[in-house]
N, C-alpha and C. Protein backbone atom coordinates (compact mmCIF):
# COMPACT_ATOMS: atom_id res chain seq x y z
N MET A 1 0.81 -1.22 0.03
CA MET A 1 0.05 -0.04 0.03
C MET A 1 0.94 1.21 0.02
N TYR A 2 1.96 1.37 0.80
CA TYR A 2 2.80 2.48 0.92
C TYR A 2 3.49 2.58 -0.29
N GLY A 3 3.91 1.59 -1.01
CA GLY A 3 4.62 1.69 -2.36
C GLY A 3 3.77 2.29 -3.23
N TRP A 4 2.47 1.87 -3.34
CA TRP A 4 1.46 2.42 -4.28
C TRP A 4 1.46 3.95 -4.09
N ILE A 5 1.26 4.32 -2.73
CA ILE A 5 1.03 5.64 -2.60
C ILE A 5 2.35 6.45 -3.06
N TRP A 6 3.50 6.02 -2.56
CA TRP A 6 4.91 6.66 -3.02
C TRP A 6 5.05 6.62 -4.59
N ARG A 7 4.50 5.60 -5.30
CA ARG A 7 4.80 5.60 -6.80
C ARG A 7 3.72 6.69 -7.46
N ASN A 8 2.56 6.98 -6.89
CA ASN A 8 1.56 7.78 -7.43
C ASN A 8 1.64 9.24 -7.08
N LEU A 9 2.62 9.62 -6.09
CA LEU A 9 2.74 10.85 -5.74
C LEU A 9 3.50 11.68 -6.72
N PRO A 10 3.20 12.97 -6.99
CA PRO A 10 3.90 13.68 -8.16
C PRO A 10 5.26 14.30 -7.64
N GLY A 11 6.07 14.41 -8.47
CA GLY A 11 7.30 15.03 -8.11
C GLY A 11 8.57 14.18 -7.93
N ASN A 12 9.50 14.97 -7.40
CA ASN A 12 10.91 14.16 -7.32
C ASN A 12 10.86 13.59 -5.84
N THR A 13 11.89 13.12 -5.28
CA THR A 13 12.03 12.51 -3.90
C THR A 13 11.80 13.56 -2.88
N LEU A 14 12.30 14.86 -3.00
CA LEU A 14 11.98 15.71 -2.05
C LEU A 14 10.54 16.22 -1.88
N VAL A 15 9.80 16.39 -3.16
CA VAL A 15 8.40 16.72 -3.16
C VAL A 15 7.50 15.73 -2.58
N ARG A 16 8.03 14.43 -2.99
CA ARG A 16 7.22 13.24 -2.57
C ARG A 16 7.41 13.20 -0.98
N SER A 17 8.54 13.32 -0.47
CA SER A 17 8.72 13.32 0.92
C SER A 17 7.84 14.33 1.75
N LEU A 18 7.91 15.60 1.24
CA LEU A 18 6.99 16.54 1.73
C LEU A 18 5.65 16.28 1.65
N ILE A 19 5.06 15.73 0.61
CA ILE A 19 3.66 15.46 0.52
C ILE A 19 3.37 14.33 1.38
N ALA A 20 4.27 13.35 1.45
CA ALA A 20 3.99 12.17 2.32
C ALA A 20 3.91 12.62 3.85
N LEU A 21 4.86 13.55 4.14
CA LEU A 21 4.93 14.14 5.59
C LEU A 21 3.54 14.86 5.77
N VAL A 22 3.04 15.60 4.94
CA VAL A 22 1.91 16.39 4.98
C VAL A 22 0.63 15.37 5.15
N LEU A 23 0.65 14.34 4.32
CA LEU A 23 -0.47 13.43 4.52
C LEU A 23 -0.40 12.57 5.81
N ALA A 24 0.80 12.06 6.41
CA ALA A 24 0.82 11.71 7.69
C ALA A 24 0.42 12.69 8.65
N LEU A 25 0.77 13.86 8.59
CA LEU A 25 0.22 14.81 9.59
C LEU A 25 -1.31 15.04 9.50
N VAL A 26 -1.93 15.06 8.43
CA VAL A 26 -3.32 15.08 8.28
C VAL A 26 -3.99 13.91 8.90
N VAL A 27 -3.36 12.67 8.53
CA VAL A 27 -4.07 11.59 9.07
C VAL A 27 -3.96 11.50 10.61
N ILE A 28 -2.85 12.03 11.29
CA ILE A 28 -2.68 12.06 12.72
C ILE A 28 -3.74 13.09 13.31
N TYR A 29 -3.89 14.23 12.59
CA TYR A 29 -4.85 15.25 13.07
C TYR A 29 -6.15 14.68 13.17
N LEU A 30 -6.61 13.97 11.97
CA LEU A 30 -7.99 13.45 11.95
C LEU A 30 -8.16 12.47 13.04
N LEU A 31 -7.29 11.58 13.27
CA LEU A 31 -7.44 10.53 14.35
C LEU A 31 -7.52 11.36 15.62
N PHE A 32 -6.73 12.23 15.98
CA PHE A 32 -6.72 12.80 17.37
C PHE A 32 -7.97 13.78 17.33
N SER A 33 -8.53 14.23 16.28
CA SER A 33 -9.66 15.28 16.34
C SER A 33 -10.91 14.62 16.27
N TYR A 34 -11.06 13.53 15.60
CA TYR A 34 -12.42 12.93 15.37
C TYR A 34 -12.53 11.41 15.74
N VAL A 35 -11.47 10.57 15.26
CA VAL A 35 -11.71 9.27 15.50
C VAL A 35 -11.42 8.89 17.09
N PHE A 36 -10.40 9.29 17.61
CA PHE A 36 -10.18 8.95 19.02
C PHE A 36 -11.27 9.51 20.01
N PRO A 37 -11.68 10.83 19.93
CA PRO A 37 -12.78 11.17 20.77
C PRO A 37 -14.09 10.59 20.49
N TRP A 38 -14.37 10.11 19.31
CA TRP A 38 -15.57 9.15 19.13
C TRP A 38 -15.51 7.86 19.71
N ALA A 39 -14.41 7.28 19.61
CA ALA A 39 -14.14 5.89 20.28
C ALA A 39 -13.92 5.81 21.69
N GLU A 40 -13.52 6.98 22.41
CA GLU A 40 -13.07 6.96 23.68
C GLU A 40 -14.29 6.46 24.62
N PRO A 41 -15.59 6.89 24.43
CA PRO A 41 -16.49 6.46 25.28
C PRO A 41 -16.90 4.95 25.33
N MET A 42 -16.42 4.29 24.13
CA MET A 42 -16.60 2.81 24.07
C MET A 42 -15.60 2.13 24.52
N MET A 43 -14.44 2.63 24.97
CA MET A 43 -13.23 2.13 25.61
C MET A 43 -13.34 1.68 27.05
N PRO A 44 -12.96 0.62 27.51
CA PRO A 44 -13.08 0.18 28.96
C PRO A 44 -12.14 0.84 29.89
N PHE A 45 -11.75 2.03 29.67
CA PHE A 45 -10.65 2.58 30.57
C PHE A 45 -11.04 2.90 31.90
N ASN A 46 -12.30 3.16 32.01
CA ASN A 46 -12.98 3.55 33.35
C ASN A 46 -13.51 2.36 34.05
N ASP A 47 -13.51 1.11 33.46
CA ASP A 47 -14.06 -0.07 34.08
C ASP A 47 -12.98 -0.74 35.01
N VAL A 48 -12.66 -0.15 36.11
CA VAL A 48 -11.64 -0.76 36.90
C VAL A 48 -12.17 -1.77 37.86
N THR A 49 -11.39 -2.79 38.32
CA THR A 49 -11.79 -3.73 39.08
C THR A 49 -11.21 -3.64 40.57
N VAL A 50 -10.50 -2.48 40.84
CA VAL A 50 -9.97 -2.32 42.10
C VAL A 50 -10.97 -1.82 43.14
N ASP A 51 -11.12 -2.48 44.40
CA ASP A 51 -12.03 -2.04 45.37
C ASP A 51 -11.53 -0.71 46.08
N ASP A 52 -12.20 -0.27 47.06
CA ASP A 52 -11.89 0.90 47.73
C ASP A 52 -10.73 0.95 48.78
N GLY A 53 -9.66 -0.07 48.58
CA GLY A 53 -8.63 -0.07 49.41
C GLY A 53 -8.81 -1.02 50.69
N GLN A 54 -9.99 -1.58 50.80
CA GLN A 54 -10.21 -2.47 51.89
C GLN A 54 -9.52 -3.90 51.82
N GLY A 55 -9.22 -4.30 50.68
CA GLY A 55 -8.70 -5.61 50.41
C GLY A 55 -9.48 -6.77 50.57
N ALA A 56 -8.92 -7.85 50.87
CA ALA A 56 -9.77 -9.05 50.92
C ALA A 56 -10.22 -9.27 52.44
N THR A 57 -9.68 -8.51 53.41
CA THR A 57 -10.03 -8.68 54.90
C THR A 57 -11.32 -8.04 55.14
N GLY A 58 -11.72 -6.81 54.37
CA GLY A 58 -12.91 -6.10 54.74
C GLY A 58 -12.92 -5.32 56.11
N ARG A 59 -11.75 -5.01 56.47
CA ARG A 59 -11.70 -4.22 57.75
C ARG A 59 -12.07 -2.68 57.55
């Protein structure tokens, strides 16, 4: 897939590198701005199984 993208980018190696960097930054921005906030409520990060510190003795 990455080879296909690289071959289809216009320009020489420098231009291709800059375009690839911009594309990667756009993907990262979209992930952090839209995908991760959308998926965060569905993640089990707040489902903890630790009790209130009483331990097994129940004191």
